[in-house]
Amino acid sequence: MYYDQQAFRKDWVSRFGDQRFCFSGEFAASLDLPGEAAVFLTEMGLPRSVPPYLYFASGKNDENGSRLAAGRLKDFLPGHPNENAIVIGTDDAGSYIVLDPTQNYAVVLLEYDDSFRPVFMNTSLWEMARCLLAYADFIKMLSRENGEEAWEDATCSEQQLADLREVLWEIDPPCVENGFWKQELDAYNNIDPDFD
């Protein structure tokens, strides 16, 4: 699927504005990030928080409201087999969101409830960001069409869920086949035929 990266950049910045954490070039270099990841984290930045209950880390020297500072996993979970992964965030359950150097810096969730087992999230930061925007649009649509509580109640129609699945697949096909986004989609167990 083609997308206009400049339009995406504008959309990302307009939605999150000063609620983004941008790493300094020096901090990104200290983490030995590859080019695309470094560009994303220094120019685009990560939102402080975004559905579904994700919270992103600031650069190590930033003190602007982040739940944690980014860094190597070994500083958070000494002895973890993937200690060189880079922690960029967390979820509301205490899991870590990391960039995994053993998977070409894919975004991976280390699930707290499962001994920090790695769960694939997205192929890259760029795909994760696009999926987050698509998910935010999905939540707005649910609220508008199904009521304010639809997202929190995980209530939607089969068609609404199929539409989200298709959008996520167009962005990053592996993300809907297994891992974090598949789990998120599977959480919509309250398929309501009245919304069709």
N, C-alpha and C. Protein backbone atom coordinates (compact mmCIF):
# COMPACT_ATOMS: atom_id res chain seq x y z
N MET A 1 0.85 -1.19 0.00
CA MET A 1 0.00 0.00 0.00
C MET A 1 0.88 1.24 0.00
N TYR A 2 0.65 2.13 -0.93
CA TYR A 2 1.39 3.37 -1.00
C TYR A 2 0.84 4.35 0.04
N TYR A 3 1.74 5.09 0.63
CA TYR A 3 1.28 6.18 1.48
C TYR A 3 2.23 7.34 1.32
N ASP A 4 1.74 8.52 1.51
CA ASP A 4 2.51 9.74 1.36
C ASP A 4 3.18 10.03 2.70
N GLN A 5 4.50 9.84 2.75
CA GLN A 5 5.21 9.99 4.02
C GLN A 5 5.14 11.44 4.52
N GLN A 6 5.16 12.41 3.63
CA GLN A 6 5.08 13.81 4.06
C GLN A 6 3.72 14.10 4.69
N ALA A 7 2.65 13.58 4.07
CA ALA A 7 1.31 13.78 4.63
C ALA A 7 1.20 13.08 5.99
N PHE A 8 1.79 11.88 6.08
CA PHE A 8 1.78 11.17 7.36
C PHE A 8 2.51 11.98 8.43
N ARG A 9 3.67 12.52 8.10
CA ARG A 9 4.43 13.33 9.06
C ARG A 9 3.58 14.50 9.57
N LYS A 10 2.92 15.19 8.66
CA LYS A 10 2.07 16.32 9.07
C LYS A 10 0.94 15.87 9.98
N ASP A 11 0.31 14.74 9.63
CA ASP A 11 -0.78 14.21 10.45
C ASP A 11 -0.28 13.84 11.84
N TRP A 12 0.86 13.16 11.91
CA TRP A 12 1.45 12.74 13.19
C TRP A 12 1.73 13.95 14.07
N VAL A 13 2.39 14.95 13.51
CA VAL A 13 2.75 16.14 14.28
C VAL A 13 1.50 16.92 14.68
N SER A 14 0.52 17.02 13.76
CA SER A 14 -0.68 17.79 14.11
C SER A 14 -1.49 17.11 15.21
N ARG A 15 -1.49 15.79 15.24
CA ARG A 15 -2.26 15.08 16.28
C ARG A 15 -1.58 15.13 17.64
N PHE A 16 -0.25 15.05 17.65
CA PHE A 16 0.44 14.93 18.93
C PHE A 16 1.22 16.17 19.33
N GLY A 17 1.57 17.02 18.38
CA GLY A 17 2.22 18.29 18.67
C GLY A 17 3.26 18.20 19.76
N ASP A 18 3.09 19.04 20.79
CA ASP A 18 4.09 19.08 21.87
C ASP A 18 3.88 17.94 22.87
N GLN A 19 2.97 17.03 22.58
CA GLN A 19 2.79 15.84 23.42
C GLN A 19 3.69 14.70 22.94
N ARG A 20 4.67 15.02 22.10
CA ARG A 20 5.59 14.02 21.59
C ARG A 20 6.93 14.13 22.31
N PHE A 21 7.58 12.98 22.48
CA PHE A 21 8.95 12.93 22.96
C PHE A 21 9.85 12.73 21.75
N CYS A 22 10.72 13.65 21.48
CA CYS A 22 11.72 13.47 20.42
C CYS A 22 13.08 13.28 21.08
N PHE A 23 13.77 12.23 20.69
CA PHE A 23 15.10 11.97 21.23
C PHE A 23 16.08 12.98 20.65
N SER A 24 17.09 13.33 21.42
CA SER A 24 18.17 14.14 20.87
C SER A 24 19.00 13.25 19.95
N GLY A 25 19.65 13.86 18.98
CA GLY A 25 20.52 13.10 18.09
C GLY A 25 21.61 12.38 18.86
N GLU A 26 22.12 13.02 19.88
CA GLU A 26 23.18 12.43 20.71
C GLU A 26 22.67 11.19 21.45
N PHE A 27 21.46 11.30 22.00
CA PHE A 27 20.89 10.15 22.72
C PHE A 27 20.62 9.00 21.75
N ALA A 28 20.04 9.30 20.59
CA ALA A 28 19.77 8.26 19.60
C ALA A 28 21.08 7.59 19.17
N ALA A 29 22.12 8.38 18.98
CA ALA A 29 23.42 7.82 18.58
C ALA A 29 23.98 6.92 19.68
N SER A 30 23.74 7.27 20.95
CA SER A 30 24.26 6.46 22.06
C SER A 30 23.61 5.08 22.10
N LEU A 31 22.43 4.95 21.47
CA LEU A 31 21.73 3.67 21.43
C LEU A 31 22.06 2.86 20.18
N ASP A 32 22.91 3.43 19.31
CA ASP A 32 23.29 2.76 18.06
C ASP A 32 22.07 2.39 17.22
N LEU A 33 21.13 3.30 17.13
CA LEU A 33 19.91 3.04 16.35
C LEU A 33 20.22 3.09 14.86
N PRO A 34 19.60 2.21 14.08
CA PRO A 34 19.77 2.30 12.63
C PRO A 34 19.09 3.57 12.10
N GLY A 35 19.42 3.96 10.90
CA GLY A 35 18.97 5.23 10.32
C GLY A 35 17.50 5.53 10.44
N GLU A 36 16.63 4.62 9.95
CA GLU A 36 15.19 4.92 9.96
C GLU A 36 14.64 5.07 11.37
N ALA A 37 15.10 4.24 12.29
CA ALA A 37 14.63 4.34 13.68
C ALA A 37 15.12 5.64 14.30
N ALA A 38 16.38 5.99 14.04
CA ALA A 38 16.93 7.23 14.59
C ALA A 38 16.18 8.44 14.05
N VAL A 39 15.90 8.44 12.75
CA VAL A 39 15.16 9.55 12.15
C VAL A 39 13.78 9.66 12.79
N PHE A 40 13.11 8.53 12.93
CA PHE A 40 11.77 8.57 13.53
C PHE A 40 11.82 9.15 14.94
N LEU A 41 12.71 8.64 15.77
CA LEU A 41 12.74 9.05 17.17
C LEU A 41 13.24 10.48 17.37
N THR A 42 14.07 10.98 16.47
CA THR A 42 14.57 12.35 16.62
C THR A 42 13.68 13.38 15.94
N GLU A 43 13.04 13.01 14.83
CA GLU A 43 12.23 13.98 14.08
C GLU A 43 10.73 13.85 14.34
N MET A 44 10.23 12.62 14.37
CA MET A 44 8.80 12.41 14.56
C MET A 44 8.44 12.33 16.04
N GLY A 45 9.23 11.59 16.78
CA GLY A 45 8.98 11.41 18.20
C GLY A 45 7.83 10.46 18.48
N LEU A 46 7.65 10.15 19.73
CA LEU A 46 6.59 9.26 20.19
C LEU A 46 5.64 10.04 21.09
N PRO A 47 4.34 9.75 21.00
CA PRO A 47 3.38 10.44 21.88
C PRO A 47 3.57 9.98 23.33
N ARG A 48 3.24 10.86 24.25
CA ARG A 48 3.33 10.49 25.67
C ARG A 48 2.47 9.26 25.95
N SER A 49 1.25 9.27 25.43
CA SER A 49 0.36 8.12 25.60
C SER A 49 -0.59 8.09 24.42
N VAL A 50 -1.07 6.87 24.14
CA VAL A 50 -1.95 6.66 22.99
C VAL A 50 -2.69 5.34 23.20
N PRO A 51 -3.94 5.27 22.74
CA PRO A 51 -4.63 3.98 22.83
C PRO A 51 -3.91 2.94 21.97
N PRO A 52 -3.91 1.70 22.37
CA PRO A 52 -4.61 1.09 23.49
C PRO A 52 -3.74 1.04 24.75
N TYR A 53 -3.78 2.07 25.55
CA TYR A 53 -3.09 2.14 26.85
C TYR A 53 -1.59 1.94 26.72
N LEU A 54 -0.99 2.65 25.77
CA LEU A 54 0.46 2.60 25.58
C LEU A 54 1.06 3.94 26.02
N TYR A 55 2.23 3.85 26.64
CA TYR A 55 2.92 5.03 27.16
C TYR A 55 4.36 4.96 26.66
N PHE A 56 4.83 6.05 26.07
CA PHE A 56 6.16 6.01 25.47
C PHE A 56 7.18 6.77 26.29
N ALA A 57 8.42 6.35 26.10
CA ALA A 57 9.53 6.86 26.89
C ALA A 57 10.15 8.09 26.24
N SER A 58 10.70 8.92 27.08
CA SER A 58 11.44 10.07 26.60
C SER A 58 12.91 9.69 26.48
N GLY A 59 13.69 10.58 25.89
CA GLY A 59 15.13 10.40 25.90
C GLY A 59 15.63 10.46 27.32
N LYS A 60 16.78 9.89 27.58
CA LYS A 60 17.29 9.75 28.94
C LYS A 60 17.35 11.06 29.71
N ASN A 61 17.67 12.17 29.04
CA ASN A 61 17.84 13.44 29.74
C ASN A 61 16.57 14.29 29.76
N ASP A 62 15.48 13.75 29.22
CA ASP A 62 14.23 14.51 29.20
C ASP A 62 13.46 14.25 30.49
N GLU A 63 12.88 15.32 31.04
CA GLU A 63 12.05 15.16 32.22
C GLU A 63 10.75 15.89 31.97
N ASN A 64 9.99 15.39 31.00
CA ASN A 64 8.77 16.10 30.62
C ASN A 64 7.55 15.20 30.65
N GLY A 65 7.39 14.47 31.72
CA GLY A 65 6.16 13.73 31.91
C GLY A 65 6.15 12.28 31.50
N SER A 66 7.25 11.73 31.08
CA SER A 66 7.27 10.33 30.67
C SER A 66 7.23 9.43 31.88
N ARG A 67 6.64 8.25 31.71
CA ARG A 67 6.63 7.25 32.79
C ARG A 67 8.02 6.65 32.98
N LEU A 68 8.83 6.66 31.93
CA LEU A 68 10.18 6.12 32.03
C LEU A 68 11.06 6.75 30.96
N ALA A 69 12.35 6.61 31.16
CA ALA A 69 13.31 7.08 30.17
C ALA A 69 13.72 5.89 29.32
N ALA A 70 13.92 6.14 28.05
CA ALA A 70 14.33 5.07 27.15
C ALA A 70 15.74 4.60 27.51
N GLY A 71 16.06 3.39 27.09
CA GLY A 71 17.40 2.86 27.32
C GLY A 71 17.47 1.40 26.95
N ARG A 72 18.60 0.80 27.21
CA ARG A 72 18.78 -0.63 26.93
C ARG A 72 17.98 -1.47 27.92
N LEU A 73 17.46 -2.58 27.43
CA LEU A 73 16.66 -3.47 28.27
C LEU A 73 17.45 -3.96 29.48
N LYS A 74 18.75 -4.13 29.33
CA LYS A 74 19.56 -4.63 30.44
C LYS A 74 19.49 -3.70 31.66
N ASP A 75 19.15 -2.42 31.44
CA ASP A 75 19.00 -1.48 32.56
C ASP A 75 17.65 -1.65 33.27
N PHE A 76 16.70 -2.31 32.61
CA PHE A 76 15.37 -2.52 33.17
C PHE A 76 15.18 -3.96 33.66
N LEU A 77 15.69 -4.90 32.88
CA LEU A 77 15.54 -6.33 33.19
C LEU A 77 16.90 -7.02 33.08
N PRO A 78 17.76 -6.83 34.07
CA PRO A 78 19.07 -7.47 34.01
C PRO A 78 18.93 -8.98 33.82
N GLY A 79 19.71 -9.53 32.92
CA GLY A 79 19.69 -10.97 32.68
C GLY A 79 18.69 -11.41 31.62
N HIS A 80 17.86 -10.49 31.10
CA HIS A 80 16.92 -10.87 30.04
C HIS A 80 17.73 -11.28 28.81
N PRO A 81 17.31 -12.34 28.10
CA PRO A 81 18.08 -12.82 26.95
C PRO A 81 18.27 -11.78 25.84
N ASN A 82 17.41 -10.79 25.76
CA ASN A 82 17.53 -9.77 24.73
C ASN A 82 17.92 -8.43 25.34
N GLU A 83 18.98 -8.46 26.13
CA GLU A 83 19.36 -7.28 26.92
C GLU A 83 19.73 -6.06 26.08
N ASN A 84 20.05 -6.24 24.81
CA ASN A 84 20.40 -5.10 23.96
C ASN A 84 19.20 -4.46 23.28
N ALA A 85 18.00 -5.00 23.51
CA ALA A 85 16.80 -4.36 22.98
C ALA A 85 16.70 -2.96 23.60
N ILE A 86 16.04 -2.07 22.88
CA ILE A 86 15.92 -0.68 23.33
C ILE A 86 14.49 -0.43 23.80
N VAL A 87 14.35 -0.11 25.07
CA VAL A 87 13.03 0.16 25.65
C VAL A 87 12.58 1.54 25.19
N ILE A 88 11.38 1.58 24.57
CA ILE A 88 10.82 2.85 24.12
C ILE A 88 9.48 3.16 24.78
N GLY A 89 8.95 2.21 25.56
CA GLY A 89 7.67 2.47 26.19
C GLY A 89 7.19 1.31 27.04
N THR A 90 5.94 1.44 27.47
CA THR A 90 5.32 0.44 28.33
C THR A 90 3.81 0.45 28.06
N ASP A 91 3.14 -0.53 28.61
CA ASP A 91 1.68 -0.51 28.56
C ASP A 91 1.17 -0.39 29.99
N ASP A 92 -0.14 -0.40 30.17
CA ASP A 92 -0.69 -0.22 31.51
C ASP A 92 -0.54 -1.44 32.39
N ALA A 93 -0.03 -2.54 31.84
CA ALA A 93 0.15 -3.77 32.63
C ALA A 93 1.60 -3.98 33.07
N GLY A 94 2.51 -3.08 32.68
CA GLY A 94 3.91 -3.23 33.06
C GLY A 94 4.78 -3.93 32.04
N SER A 95 4.23 -4.19 30.86
CA SER A 95 5.03 -4.77 29.78
C SER A 95 5.88 -3.68 29.15
N TYR A 96 7.00 -4.07 28.56
CA TYR A 96 7.87 -3.10 27.89
C TYR A 96 7.68 -3.16 26.38
N ILE A 97 7.71 -2.00 25.75
CA ILE A 97 7.72 -1.90 24.29
C ILE A 97 9.17 -1.64 23.92
N VAL A 98 9.72 -2.49 23.06
CA VAL A 98 11.14 -2.39 22.72
C VAL A 98 11.36 -2.45 21.22
N LEU A 99 12.52 -1.94 20.82
CA LEU A 99 13.03 -2.16 19.47
C LEU A 99 14.00 -3.31 19.59
N ASP A 100 13.76 -4.36 18.82
CA ASP A 100 14.53 -5.59 18.95
C ASP A 100 15.61 -5.68 17.87
N PRO A 101 16.89 -5.52 18.26
CA PRO A 101 17.95 -5.58 17.26
C PRO A 101 18.11 -6.96 16.62
N THR A 102 17.60 -8.00 17.27
CA THR A 102 17.70 -9.34 16.67
C THR A 102 16.64 -9.55 15.60
N GLN A 103 15.67 -8.62 15.50
CA GLN A 103 14.62 -8.69 14.48
C GLN A 103 14.62 -7.43 13.62
N ASN A 104 15.83 -6.94 13.31
CA ASN A 104 15.97 -5.75 12.46
C ASN A 104 15.24 -4.55 13.04
N TYR A 105 15.28 -4.42 14.36
CA TYR A 105 14.66 -3.32 15.11
C TYR A 105 13.14 -3.26 14.95
N ALA A 106 12.53 -4.43 14.85
CA ALA A 106 11.06 -4.50 14.88
C ALA A 106 10.60 -4.04 16.26
N VAL A 107 9.36 -3.60 16.34
CA VAL A 107 8.77 -3.21 17.61
C VAL A 107 8.14 -4.45 18.24
N VAL A 108 8.52 -4.71 19.48
CA VAL A 108 8.10 -5.92 20.18
C VAL A 108 7.60 -5.54 21.57
N LEU A 109 6.55 -6.19 22.02
CA LEU A 109 6.05 -6.01 23.39
C LEU A 109 6.56 -7.18 24.22
N LEU A 110 7.21 -6.89 25.34
CA LEU A 110 7.65 -7.94 26.26
C LEU A 110 6.59 -8.02 27.35
N GLU A 111 5.77 -9.07 27.30
CA GLU A 111 4.59 -9.18 28.14
C GLU A 111 4.93 -9.46 29.60
N TYR A 112 4.57 -8.53 30.46
CA TYR A 112 4.80 -8.65 31.89
C TYR A 112 4.14 -9.89 32.46
N ASP A 113 2.89 -10.13 32.04
CA ASP A 113 2.11 -11.25 32.59
C ASP A 113 2.60 -12.62 32.14
N ASP A 114 3.56 -12.63 31.23
CA ASP A 114 4.07 -13.89 30.69
C ASP A 114 5.60 -13.92 30.74
N SER A 115 6.16 -13.53 31.88
CA SER A 115 7.62 -13.54 32.11
C SER A 115 8.38 -12.77 31.04
N PHE A 116 7.79 -11.66 30.56
CA PHE A 116 8.40 -10.80 29.55
C PHE A 116 8.69 -11.54 28.25
N ARG A 117 7.75 -12.41 27.89
CA ARG A 117 7.84 -13.12 26.61
C ARG A 117 7.65 -12.10 25.49
N PRO A 118 8.48 -12.18 24.43
CA PRO A 118 8.34 -11.23 23.32
C PRO A 118 7.11 -11.52 22.45
N VAL A 119 6.37 -10.46 22.15
CA VAL A 119 5.20 -10.54 21.28
C VAL A 119 5.39 -9.50 20.17
N PHE A 120 5.40 -9.96 18.94
CA PHE A 120 5.58 -9.05 17.80
C PHE A 120 4.51 -7.97 17.81
N MET A 121 4.93 -6.73 17.52
CA MET A 121 3.99 -5.62 17.44
C MET A 121 3.96 -5.08 16.01
N ASN A 122 5.10 -4.57 15.53
CA ASN A 122 5.17 -4.04 14.17
C ASN A 122 6.57 -4.21 13.60
N THR A 123 6.65 -4.17 12.29
CA THR A 123 7.90 -4.35 11.57
C THR A 123 8.89 -3.23 11.87
N SER A 124 8.39 -2.01 12.07
CA SER A 124 9.26 -0.86 12.36
C SER A 124 8.47 0.20 13.12
N LEU A 125 9.17 1.23 13.56
CA LEU A 125 8.50 2.36 14.22
C LEU A 125 7.51 3.04 13.28
N TRP A 126 7.87 3.15 12.00
CA TRP A 126 6.99 3.81 11.04
C TRP A 126 5.68 3.05 10.92
N GLU A 127 5.73 1.73 10.82
CA GLU A 127 4.50 0.95 10.73
C GLU A 127 3.72 1.02 12.03
N MET A 128 4.42 1.01 13.16
CA MET A 128 3.72 1.12 14.44
C MET A 128 2.96 2.45 14.50
N ALA A 129 3.60 3.53 14.10
CA ALA A 129 2.97 4.84 14.16
C ALA A 129 1.73 4.89 13.26
N ARG A 130 1.84 4.33 12.07
CA ARG A 130 0.69 4.32 11.17
C ARG A 130 -0.44 3.47 11.75
N CYS A 131 -0.11 2.33 12.38
CA CYS A 131 -1.13 1.50 13.02
C CYS A 131 -1.78 2.24 14.18
N LEU A 132 -1.00 2.98 14.95
CA LEU A 132 -1.56 3.73 16.07
C LEU A 132 -2.54 4.80 15.59
N LEU A 133 -2.20 5.48 14.49
CA LEU A 133 -3.13 6.47 13.94
C LEU A 133 -4.40 5.79 13.43
N ALA A 134 -4.25 4.65 12.75
CA ALA A 134 -5.42 3.92 12.26
C ALA A 134 -6.30 3.48 13.43
N TYR A 135 -5.66 3.03 14.51
CA TYR A 135 -6.43 2.59 15.67
C TYR A 135 -7.15 3.77 16.33
N ALA A 136 -6.48 4.92 16.40
CA ALA A 136 -7.11 6.12 16.96
C ALA A 136 -8.33 6.51 16.12
N ASP A 137 -8.21 6.41 14.80
CA ASP A 137 -9.35 6.71 13.92
C ASP A 137 -10.49 5.71 14.16
N PHE A 138 -10.13 4.45 14.37
CA PHE A 138 -11.13 3.41 14.65
C PHE A 138 -11.88 3.74 15.94
N ILE A 139 -11.17 4.15 16.96
CA ILE A 139 -11.81 4.48 18.24
C ILE A 139 -12.76 5.66 18.08
N LYS A 140 -12.34 6.68 17.33
CA LYS A 140 -13.22 7.83 17.08
C LYS A 140 -14.49 7.40 16.35
N MET A 141 -14.31 6.53 15.34
CA MET A 141 -15.45 6.05 14.59
C MET A 141 -16.39 5.25 15.49
N LEU A 142 -15.84 4.38 16.35
CA LEU A 142 -16.68 3.61 17.27
C LEU A 142 -17.47 4.54 18.18
N SER A 143 -16.81 5.53 18.70
CA SER A 143 -17.47 6.47 19.60
C SER A 143 -18.61 7.20 18.89
N ARG A 144 -18.33 7.62 17.68
CA ARG A 144 -19.32 8.36 16.89
C ARG A 144 -20.50 7.47 16.50
N GLU A 145 -20.22 6.25 16.05
CA GLU A 145 -21.27 5.39 15.50
C GLU A 145 -21.92 4.46 16.53
N ASN A 146 -21.17 4.07 17.56
CA ASN A 146 -21.67 3.05 18.49
C ASN A 146 -21.85 3.56 19.91
N GLY A 147 -21.41 4.77 20.19
CA GLY A 147 -21.54 5.32 21.53
C GLY A 147 -20.20 5.47 22.22
N GLU A 148 -20.18 6.36 23.19
CA GLU A 148 -18.94 6.72 23.90
C GLU A 148 -18.20 5.55 24.53
N GLU A 149 -18.93 4.55 25.00
CA GLU A 149 -18.32 3.44 25.71
C GLU A 149 -17.92 2.26 24.82
N ALA A 150 -18.15 2.37 23.52
CA ALA A 150 -17.95 1.23 22.62
C ALA A 150 -16.51 0.70 22.66
N TRP A 151 -15.53 1.60 22.66
CA TRP A 151 -14.14 1.12 22.67
C TRP A 151 -13.82 0.41 23.98
N GLU A 152 -14.14 1.04 25.10
CA GLU A 152 -13.83 0.43 26.39
C GLU A 152 -14.59 -0.87 26.60
N ASP A 153 -15.78 -0.98 26.02
CA ASP A 153 -16.57 -2.21 26.13
C ASP A 153 -16.20 -3.23 25.06
N ALA A 154 -15.28 -2.84 24.17
CA ALA A 154 -14.86 -3.71 23.05
C ALA A 154 -16.07 -4.18 22.24
N THR A 155 -16.95 -3.22 21.93
CA THR A 155 -18.16 -3.52 21.19
C THR A 155 -18.12 -2.88 19.82
N CYS A 156 -18.29 -3.71 18.81
CA CYS A 156 -18.33 -3.20 17.45
C CYS A 156 -19.03 -4.21 16.56
N SER A 157 -19.25 -3.84 15.32
CA SER A 157 -19.86 -4.77 14.37
C SER A 157 -18.74 -5.59 13.70
N GLU A 158 -19.13 -6.68 13.10
CA GLU A 158 -18.16 -7.49 12.37
C GLU A 158 -17.52 -6.69 11.25
N GLN A 159 -18.32 -5.85 10.58
CA GLN A 159 -17.79 -5.05 9.47
C GLN A 159 -16.79 -4.01 9.97
N GLN A 160 -17.09 -3.35 11.09
CA GLN A 160 -16.16 -2.37 11.64
C GLN A 160 -14.83 -3.02 11.98
N LEU A 161 -14.89 -4.20 12.58
CA LEU A 161 -13.67 -4.92 12.93
C LEU A 161 -12.92 -5.37 11.68
N ALA A 162 -13.66 -5.86 10.69
CA ALA A 162 -13.03 -6.29 9.43
C ALA A 162 -12.36 -5.11 8.74
N ASP A 163 -12.97 -3.93 8.80
CA ASP A 163 -12.38 -2.74 8.18
C ASP A 163 -11.07 -2.37 8.87
N LEU A 164 -11.05 -2.43 10.20
CA LEU A 164 -9.81 -2.13 10.93
C LEU A 164 -8.74 -3.16 10.58
N ARG A 165 -9.12 -4.42 10.59
CA ARG A 165 -8.16 -5.49 10.26
C ARG A 165 -7.54 -5.24 8.88
N GLU A 166 -8.37 -4.85 7.92
CA GLU A 166 -7.87 -4.60 6.56
C GLU A 166 -6.90 -3.42 6.53
N VAL A 167 -7.23 -2.35 7.24
CA VAL A 167 -6.34 -1.19 7.27
C VAL A 167 -5.00 -1.56 7.90
N LEU A 168 -5.03 -2.27 9.02
CA LEU A 168 -3.79 -2.68 9.67
C LEU A 168 -2.99 -3.61 8.77
N TRP A 169 -3.67 -4.51 8.07
CA TRP A 169 -2.99 -5.43 7.17
C TRP A 169 -2.31 -4.67 6.04
N GLU A 170 -2.98 -3.65 5.50
CA GLU A 170 -2.39 -2.84 4.43
C GLU A 170 -1.14 -2.11 4.91
N ILE A 171 -1.11 -1.74 6.16
CA ILE A 171 0.06 -1.05 6.72
C ILE A 171 1.20 -2.02 6.98
N ASP A 172 0.90 -3.14 7.64
CA ASP A 172 1.95 -4.05 8.11
C ASP A 172 1.36 -5.46 8.23
N PRO A 173 1.32 -6.23 7.14
CA PRO A 173 0.63 -7.52 7.15
C PRO A 173 0.95 -8.44 8.33
N PRO A 174 2.23 -8.59 8.74
CA PRO A 174 2.49 -9.52 9.85
C PRO A 174 1.80 -9.14 11.16
N CYS A 175 1.47 -7.86 11.33
CA CYS A 175 0.93 -7.42 12.62
C CYS A 175 -0.47 -7.96 12.89
N VAL A 176 -1.21 -8.34 11.86
CA VAL A 176 -2.55 -8.88 12.10
C VAL A 176 -2.56 -10.41 12.05
N GLU A 177 -1.44 -11.00 11.68
CA GLU A 177 -1.35 -12.45 11.62
C GLU A 177 -1.04 -13.06 12.98
N ASN A 178 -0.24 -12.35 13.77
CA ASN A 178 0.07 -12.82 15.13
C ASN A 178 0.59 -11.64 15.94
N GLY A 179 0.60 -11.79 17.23
CA GLY A 179 1.17 -10.77 18.09
C GLY A 179 0.19 -9.76 18.65
N PHE A 180 0.73 -8.60 19.00
CA PHE A 180 0.01 -7.55 19.71
C PHE A 180 -1.28 -7.13 19.02
N TRP A 181 -1.21 -6.74 17.75
CA TRP A 181 -2.40 -6.22 17.08
C TRP A 181 -3.44 -7.32 16.88
N LYS A 182 -3.02 -8.54 16.63
CA LYS A 182 -3.97 -9.65 16.53
C LYS A 182 -4.69 -9.82 17.87
N GLN A 183 -3.93 -9.76 18.97
CA GLN A 183 -4.55 -9.85 20.30
C GLN A 183 -5.54 -8.72 20.52
N GLU A 184 -5.17 -7.53 20.08
CA GLU A 184 -6.05 -6.37 20.25
C GLU A 184 -7.35 -6.59 19.46
N LEU A 185 -7.23 -7.06 18.23
CA LEU A 185 -8.42 -7.33 17.41
C LEU A 185 -9.27 -8.44 18.03
N ASP A 186 -8.61 -9.47 18.54
CA ASP A 186 -9.34 -10.58 19.15
C ASP A 186 -10.07 -10.18 20.43
N ALA A 187 -9.67 -9.06 21.03
CA ALA A 187 -10.32 -8.59 22.26
C ALA A 187 -11.74 -8.09 21.98
N TYR A 188 -12.03 -7.80 20.71
CA TYR A 188 -13.38 -7.34 20.37
C TYR A 188 -14.30 -8.54 20.28
N ASN A 189 -14.66 -9.02 21.45
CA ASN A 189 -15.50 -10.21 21.53
C ASN A 189 -16.98 -9.84 21.65
N ASN A 190 -17.26 -8.56 21.75
CA ASN A 190 -18.66 -8.13 21.85
C ASN A 190 -19.15 -7.65 20.50
N ILE A 191 -19.15 -8.56 19.53
CA ILE A 191 -19.64 -8.21 18.21
C ILE A 191 -21.15 -8.05 18.32
N ASP A 192 -21.63 -6.86 17.99
CA ASP A 192 -23.03 -6.55 18.17
C ASP A 192 -23.71 -6.42 16.80
N PRO A 193 -24.62 -7.33 16.47
CA PRO A 193 -25.29 -7.28 15.16
C PRO A 193 -26.13 -6.01 14.97
N ASP A 194 -26.50 -5.35 16.06
CA ASP A 194 -27.30 -4.12 15.94
C ASP A 194 -26.51 -2.98 15.33
N PHE A 195 -25.16 -3.10 15.32
CA PHE A 195 -24.35 -2.02 14.75
C PHE A 195 -24.14 -2.19 13.26
N ASP A 196 -24.56 -3.30 12.70
CA ASP A 196 -24.37 -3.52 11.25
C ASP A 196 -25.40 -2.75 10.46
